[in-house]
Amino acid sequence: MYAYLKYKKTIAAKQKERADRIAELMPVYGTPLTAEEVKIFRISVPDLVAEVHKGLVKPIDVLHAYGKRALKAQEDTNCLTEIMFKDAEKQAEVCNDHGIQLSRADVRKVH
């Protein structure tokens, strides 16, 4: 019984941590998708990377678009375990200058 109670306490603490991190996010994540963000979802990953490298799309804009989608999915399905948007924003700002890296899995179409 002790193990079960400890487990429940751990779950509650983790859920509170997640809720607190979501509450601390920049206001942009609480706004509807913009027309430009919707366009990001229509671009294949390799083409999106190329547009980022050409300076046509900013990494922070990609992050905001996917972040909004992730938070909507969280509302609907409770699917997020870790909220690391602040760290991702720092990396996106660096990528504004240097582009983004892809793994081989990122360029394959997953069905």
C-alpha atoms as a PDB file:
ATOM      1  CA  MET A   1       0.000   0.000   0.000  1.00  0.00           C
ATOM      2  CA  TYR A   2       2.878   2.376   0.798  1.00  0.00           C
ATOM      3  CA  ALA A   3       4.342   1.919  -2.679  1.00  0.00           C
ATOM      4  CA  TYR A   4       1.002   2.766  -4.269  1.00  0.00           C
ATOM      5  CA  LEU A   5       0.609   5.933  -2.188  1.00  0.00           C
ATOM      6  CA  LYS A   6       4.166   6.968  -2.995  1.00  0.00           C
ATOM      7  CA  TYR A   7       3.435   6.358  -6.687  1.00  0.00           C
ATOM      8  CA  LYS A   8       0.280   8.511  -6.540  1.00  0.00           C
ATOM      9  CA  LYS A   9       2.170  11.286  -4.754  1.00  0.00           C
ATOM     10  CA  THR A  10       4.915  11.194  -7.402  1.00  0.00           C
ATOM     11  CA  ILE A  11       2.329  11.387 -10.193  1.00  0.00           C
ATOM     12  CA  ALA A  12       0.578  14.347  -8.569  1.00  0.00           C
ATOM     13  CA  ALA A  13       3.877  16.193  -8.136  1.00  0.00           C
ATOM     14  CA  LYS A  14       4.867  15.581 -11.766  1.00  0.00           C
ATOM     15  CA  GLN A  15       1.466  16.720 -13.047  1.00  0.00           C
ATOM     16  CA  LYS A  16       1.733  19.902 -10.967  1.00  0.00           C
ATOM     17  CA  GLU A  17       5.235  20.551 -12.311  1.00  0.00           C
ATOM     18  CA  ARG A  18       3.945  20.139 -15.863  1.00  0.00           C
ATOM     19  CA  ALA A  19       0.962  22.427 -15.234  1.00  0.00           C
ATOM     20  CA  ASP A  20       3.242  25.059 -13.671  1.00  0.00           C
ATOM     21  CA  ARG A  21       5.604  24.971 -16.647  1.00  0.00           C
ATOM     22  CA  ILE A  22       2.714  25.347 -19.070  1.00  0.00           C
ATOM     23  CA  ALA A  23       1.357  28.274 -17.043  1.00  0.00           C
ATOM     24  CA  GLU A  24       4.775  29.991 -17.204  1.00  0.00           C
ATOM     25  CA  LEU A  25       5.040  29.832 -20.993  1.00  0.00           C
ATOM     26  CA  MET A  26       5.148  32.967 -23.101  1.00  0.00           C
ATOM     27  CA  PRO A  27       1.684  34.274 -24.065  1.00  0.00           C
ATOM     28  CA  VAL A  28       2.317  33.421 -27.736  1.00  0.00           C
ATOM     29  CA  TYR A  29       1.599  29.758 -26.956  1.00  0.00           C
ATOM     30  CA  GLY A  30      -1.919  30.666 -25.826  1.00  0.00           C
ATOM     31  CA  THR A  31      -2.890  32.349 -29.078  1.00  0.00           C
ATOM     32  CA  PRO A  32      -4.471  30.665 -32.119  1.00  0.00           C
ATOM     33  CA  LEU A  33      -2.250  29.532 -34.966  1.00  0.00           C
ATOM     34  CA  THR A  34      -1.450  32.353 -37.359  1.00  0.00           C
ATOM     35  CA  ALA A  35      -1.716  31.955 -41.122  1.00  0.00           C
ATOM     36  CA  GLU A  36       2.092  31.779 -41.285  1.00  0.00           C
ATOM     37  CA  GLU A  37       2.172  29.026 -38.644  1.00  0.00           C
ATOM     38  CA  VAL A  38      -0.440  27.022 -40.527  1.00  0.00           C
ATOM     39  CA  LYS A  39       1.784  27.248 -43.615  1.00  0.00           C
ATOM     40  CA  ILE A  40       4.638  25.680 -41.620  1.00  0.00           C
ATOM     41  CA  PHE A  41       2.605  22.485 -41.227  1.00  0.00           C
ATOM     42  CA  ARG A  42       2.102  22.254 -44.973  1.00  0.00           C
ATOM     43  CA  ILE A  43       5.838  22.159 -45.677  1.00  0.00           C
ATOM     44  CA  SER A  44       7.759  18.876 -45.623  1.00  0.00           C
ATOM     45  CA  VAL A  45      10.572  18.696 -43.091  1.00  0.00           C
ATOM     46  CA  PRO A  46      13.370  18.782 -45.706  1.00  0.00           C
ATOM     47  CA  ASP A  47      11.745  21.774 -47.409  1.00  0.00           C
ATOM     48  CA  LEU A  48      11.214  23.474 -44.058  1.00  0.00           C
ATOM     49  CA  VAL A  49      14.887  23.013 -43.216  1.00  0.00           C
ATOM     50  CA  ALA A  50      15.816  24.497 -46.577  1.00  0.00           C
ATOM     51  CA  GLU A  51      13.559  27.492 -45.929  1.00  0.00           C
ATOM     52  CA  VAL A  52      15.134  27.987 -42.510  1.00  0.00           C
ATOM     53  CA  HIS A  53      18.622  27.839 -44.037  1.00  0.00           C
ATOM     54  CA  LYS A  54      17.573  30.403 -46.664  1.00  0.00           C
ATOM     55  CA  GLY A  55      16.204  32.660 -43.951  1.00  0.00           C
ATOM     56  CA  LEU A  56      12.630  32.417 -45.235  1.00  0.00           C
ATOM     57  CA  VAL A  57      11.370  30.864 -41.986  1.00  0.00           C
ATOM     58  CA  LYS A  58      12.752  31.490 -38.505  1.00  0.00           C
ATOM     59  CA  PRO A  59      13.347  28.539 -36.168  1.00  0.00           C
ATOM     60  CA  ILE A  60      11.479  30.348 -33.374  1.00  0.00           C
ATOM     61  CA  ASP A  61       8.406  30.530 -35.620  1.00  0.00           C
ATOM     62  CA  VAL A  62       8.611  26.787 -36.225  1.00  0.00           C
ATOM     63  CA  LEU A  63       8.885  26.217 -32.482  1.00  0.00           C
ATOM     64  CA  HIS A  64       5.885  28.419 -31.758  1.00  0.00           C
ATOM     65  CA  ALA A  65       3.767  26.624 -34.362  1.00  0.00           C
ATOM     66  CA  TYR A  66       4.651  23.142 -33.143  1.00  0.00           C
ATOM     67  CA  GLY A  67       4.455  24.265 -29.519  1.00  0.00           C
ATOM     68  CA  LYS A  68       0.899  25.481 -30.002  1.00  0.00           C
ATOM     69  CA  ARG A  69      -0.035  22.177 -31.622  1.00  0.00           C
ATOM     70  CA  ALA A  70       1.592  20.217 -28.798  1.00  0.00           C
ATOM     71  CA  LEU A  71      -0.265  22.203 -26.155  1.00  0.00           C
ATOM     72  CA  LYS A  72      -3.563  21.648 -27.970  1.00  0.00           C
ATOM     73  CA  ALA A  73      -2.820  17.921 -28.064  1.00  0.00           C
ATOM     74  CA  GLN A  74      -2.038  18.077 -24.341  1.00  0.00           C
ATOM     75  CA  GLU A  75      -5.439  19.631 -23.659  1.00  0.00           C
ATOM     76  CA  ASP A  76      -7.175  16.918 -25.677  1.00  0.00           C
ATOM     77  CA  THR A  77      -5.193  13.838 -24.712  1.00  0.00           C
ATOM     78  CA  ASN A  78      -2.862  14.532 -21.756  1.00  0.00           C
ATOM     79  CA  CYS A  79       0.066  13.420 -23.913  1.00  0.00           C
ATOM     80  CA  LEU A  80       2.965  15.640 -22.803  1.00  0.00           C
ATOM     81  CA  THR A  81       5.340  14.423 -20.138  1.00  0.00           C
ATOM     82  CA  GLU A  82       8.011  17.128 -20.180  1.00  0.00           C
ATOM     83  CA  ILE A  83       7.592  20.814 -20.979  1.00  0.00           C
ATOM     84  CA  MET A  84      10.913  22.127 -22.259  1.00  0.00           C
ATOM     85  CA  PHE A  85       9.794  25.058 -24.370  1.00  0.00           C
ATOM     86  CA  LYS A  86      12.057  27.578 -22.620  1.00  0.00           C
ATOM     87  CA  ASP A  87      15.149  25.506 -23.442  1.00  0.00           C
ATOM     88  CA  ALA A  88      13.886  25.033 -26.990  1.00  0.00           C
ATOM     89  CA  GLU A  89      13.396  28.789 -27.363  1.00  0.00           C
ATOM     90  CA  LYS A  90      17.028  29.370 -26.415  1.00  0.00           C
ATOM     91  CA  GLN A  91      18.122  26.802 -28.995  1.00  0.00           C
ATOM     92  CA  ALA A  92      15.808  28.296 -31.628  1.00  0.00           C
ATOM     93  CA  GLU A  93      17.406  31.695 -31.125  1.00  0.00           C
ATOM     94  CA  VAL A  94      20.838  30.137 -31.709  1.00  0.00           C
ATOM     95  CA  CYS A  95      19.466  28.387 -34.785  1.00  0.00           C
ATOM     96  CA  ASN A  96      18.301  31.717 -36.165  1.00  0.00           C
ATOM     97  CA  ASP A  97      21.973  32.309 -36.848  1.00  0.00           C
ATOM     98  CA  HIS A  98      23.156  28.775 -37.648  1.00  0.00           C
ATOM     99  CA  GLY A  99      20.235  26.827 -39.111  1.00  0.00           C
ATOM    100  CA  ILE A 100      18.897  23.542 -37.765  1.00  0.00           C
ATOM    101  CA  GLN A 101      20.256  20.035 -37.783  1.00  0.00           C
ATOM    102  CA  LEU A 102      18.299  16.978 -38.844  1.00  0.00           C
ATOM    103  CA  SER A 103      18.666  13.342 -37.999  1.00  0.00           C
ATOM    104  CA  ARG A 104      18.103  10.786 -40.735  1.00  0.00           C
ATOM    105  CA  ALA A 105      14.744   9.895 -39.183  1.00  0.00           C
ATOM    106  CA  ASP A 106      13.539  13.465 -39.636  1.00  0.00           C
ATOM    107  CA  VAL A 107      13.695  13.302 -43.428  1.00  0.00           C
ATOM    108  CA  ARG A 108      11.830  10.029 -43.848  1.00  0.00           C
ATOM    109  CA  LYS A 109       8.096  10.041 -44.344  1.00  0.00           C
ATOM    110  CA  VAL A 110       6.441   8.111 -41.545  1.00  0.00           C
ATOM    111  CA  HIS A 111       3.097   6.555 -42.377  1.00  0.00           C
END
